[in-house]
Protein backbone atom coordinates (compact mmCIF):
# COMPACT_ATOMS: atom_id res chain seq x y z
CA MET A 1 197.09 51.75 81.03
CA ASP A 2 193.60 52.09 82.46
CA ALA A 3 192.89 54.66 85.14
CA PRO A 4 192.47 53.11 88.58
CA ALA A 5 188.95 52.85 89.98
CA PRO A 6 187.98 55.58 92.44
CA LEU A 7 188.66 54.77 96.08
CA THR A 8 185.64 53.66 98.04
CA ASP A 9 184.91 55.04 101.50
CA GLU A 10 185.77 51.59 102.87
CA GLU A 11 189.18 51.67 101.16
CA LEU A 12 189.84 55.15 102.56
CA ASP A 13 188.90 53.84 106.01
CA GLU A 14 191.39 50.97 105.61
CA ILE A 15 194.17 53.32 104.51
CA GLU A 16 193.41 55.68 107.40
CA GLU A 17 193.37 52.80 109.90
CA ALA A 18 196.72 51.48 108.60
CA ALA A 19 198.29 54.94 108.92
CA ALA A 20 196.88 55.41 112.43
CA ALA A 21 198.24 52.02 113.52
CA ALA A 22 201.79 52.73 112.28
CA THR A 23 204.56 54.12 114.48
CA PRO A 24 203.85 57.80 115.17
CA GLY A 25 205.79 60.36 113.16
CA PRO A 26 207.49 62.36 112.04
CA TRP A 27 209.83 59.94 110.33
CA HIS A 28 213.31 60.85 109.09
CA VAL A 29 215.91 59.33 106.78
CA ARG A 30 218.93 58.12 108.73
CA GLN A 31 222.39 57.35 107.30
CA LEU A 32 223.94 54.90 109.75
CA ASP A 33 227.02 52.75 109.39
CA ASP A 34 228.49 49.98 111.47
CA ALA A 35 230.39 46.74 111.13
CA HIS A 36 227.14 44.72 111.33
CA ALA A 37 225.08 46.78 108.89
CA MET A 38 227.52 48.62 106.64
CA GLY A 39 225.93 51.43 104.65
CA LEU A 40 222.62 51.33 106.54
CA VAL A 41 220.02 53.66 105.01
CA ALA A 42 217.07 53.68 107.35
CA VAL A 43 213.87 55.48 108.21
CA GLY A 44 213.47 56.30 111.87
CA THR A 45 211.70 58.44 114.40
CA ALA A 46 214.80 60.49 115.21
CA PRO A 47 216.40 62.97 112.80
CA ASP A 48 219.72 62.13 111.18
CA THR A 49 222.66 63.68 113.02
CA GLY A 50 225.00 63.63 110.03
CA ARG A 51 227.54 61.62 112.05
CA GLY A 52 226.81 58.18 110.50
CA GLU A 53 226.69 56.63 113.95
CA ARG A 54 227.81 53.09 114.51
CA TRP A 55 225.91 50.70 116.74
CA PRO A 56 225.55 50.91 119.73
CA ASP A 57 225.70 54.72 119.37
CA PHE A 58 222.22 54.85 117.86
CA ASP A 59 218.98 53.48 119.27
CA HIS A 60 217.87 50.61 117.06
CA GLY A 61 214.39 51.03 118.58
CA GLU A 62 214.06 54.29 116.62
CA ILE A 63 214.37 52.49 113.26
CA VAL A 64 211.10 51.96 111.39
CA ALA A 65 212.43 50.60 108.07
CA ALA A 66 215.66 50.07 106.16
CA THR A 67 216.23 50.42 102.43
CA LEU A 68 219.88 49.35 102.38
CA VAL A 69 222.05 47.10 104.52
CA GLN A 70 225.14 46.51 102.36
CA GLU A 71 227.09 44.06 104.45
CA PRO A 72 225.80 41.51 104.91
CA ARG A 73 223.44 41.98 101.95
CA TYR A 74 220.21 41.90 103.98
CA VAL A 75 218.35 44.81 102.40
CA ASP A 76 219.05 45.99 98.86
CA VAL A 77 217.25 46.91 95.65
CA ALA A 78 218.49 46.32 92.12
CA ASP A 79 217.88 49.90 90.94
CA GLU A 80 220.02 51.38 93.76
CA ARG A 81 217.35 53.88 94.81
CA TRP A 82 217.97 53.40 98.54
CA ASP A 83 217.96 57.09 99.43
CA GLU A 84 214.97 57.86 97.21
CA ASN A 85 212.98 54.94 98.67
CA ALA A 86 213.87 55.98 102.21
CA ARG A 87 212.69 59.55 101.53
CA PHE A 88 209.42 58.22 100.08
CA ILE A 89 208.78 55.97 103.09
CA ALA A 90 209.58 58.76 105.53
CA ARG A 91 207.27 61.21 103.72
CA ALA A 92 204.45 58.65 103.55
CA ARG A 93 204.03 58.90 107.34
CA GLN A 94 202.82 62.48 107.01
CA ASP A 95 201.57 62.45 103.41
CA VAL A 96 199.15 59.50 103.54
CA PRO A 97 197.00 60.90 106.39
CA ARG A 98 196.97 64.32 104.67
CA LEU A 99 195.92 62.79 101.35
CA VAL A 100 193.10 60.82 102.99
CA ALA A 101 191.92 63.97 104.75
CA GLU A 102 192.04 65.92 101.48
CA ILE A 103 190.01 63.26 99.65
CA ARG A 104 187.42 63.31 102.43
CA ARG A 105 187.34 67.14 102.34
CA LEU A 106 186.84 67.16 98.57
CA ARG A 107 184.04 64.61 98.95
CA GLY A 108 182.42 66.75 101.62
CA ARG A 109 183.23 64.29 104.41
CA PRO A 110 185.87 65.73 106.73
CA ASP A 111 186.12 62.49 108.75
CA ALA A 112 185.25 58.83 108.42
CA THR A 113 182.36 58.99 110.89
CA GLY A 114 180.57 62.11 109.69
CA PRO A 115 177.64 62.02 107.25
CA ALA A 116 178.21 62.97 103.63
CA ARG A 117 177.12 66.50 102.87
């Protein structure tokens, strides 16, 4: 497999803009369960309480993404990595901006608007 081409400044700008436009963080993995979305594994803006709340006892407006909705089978993946995928998505909210900033720092450009040093 060939190594990917280095990111251009324009690509970094696009990644940074996409992250800035997303729902503010932090994001958390939520384990929710109800008769309409059995086994819901979600990513949301509120921390998981550990109670596996059933709707309407959780605010659906806090949900950013779902990696599993068992019944009905709305969201599912064949490799059954629902929890792992949810953790990855939740971490991306904080990790992507940090990675972009680190790339810019290593290139001697701490922000998208500053001149290269």
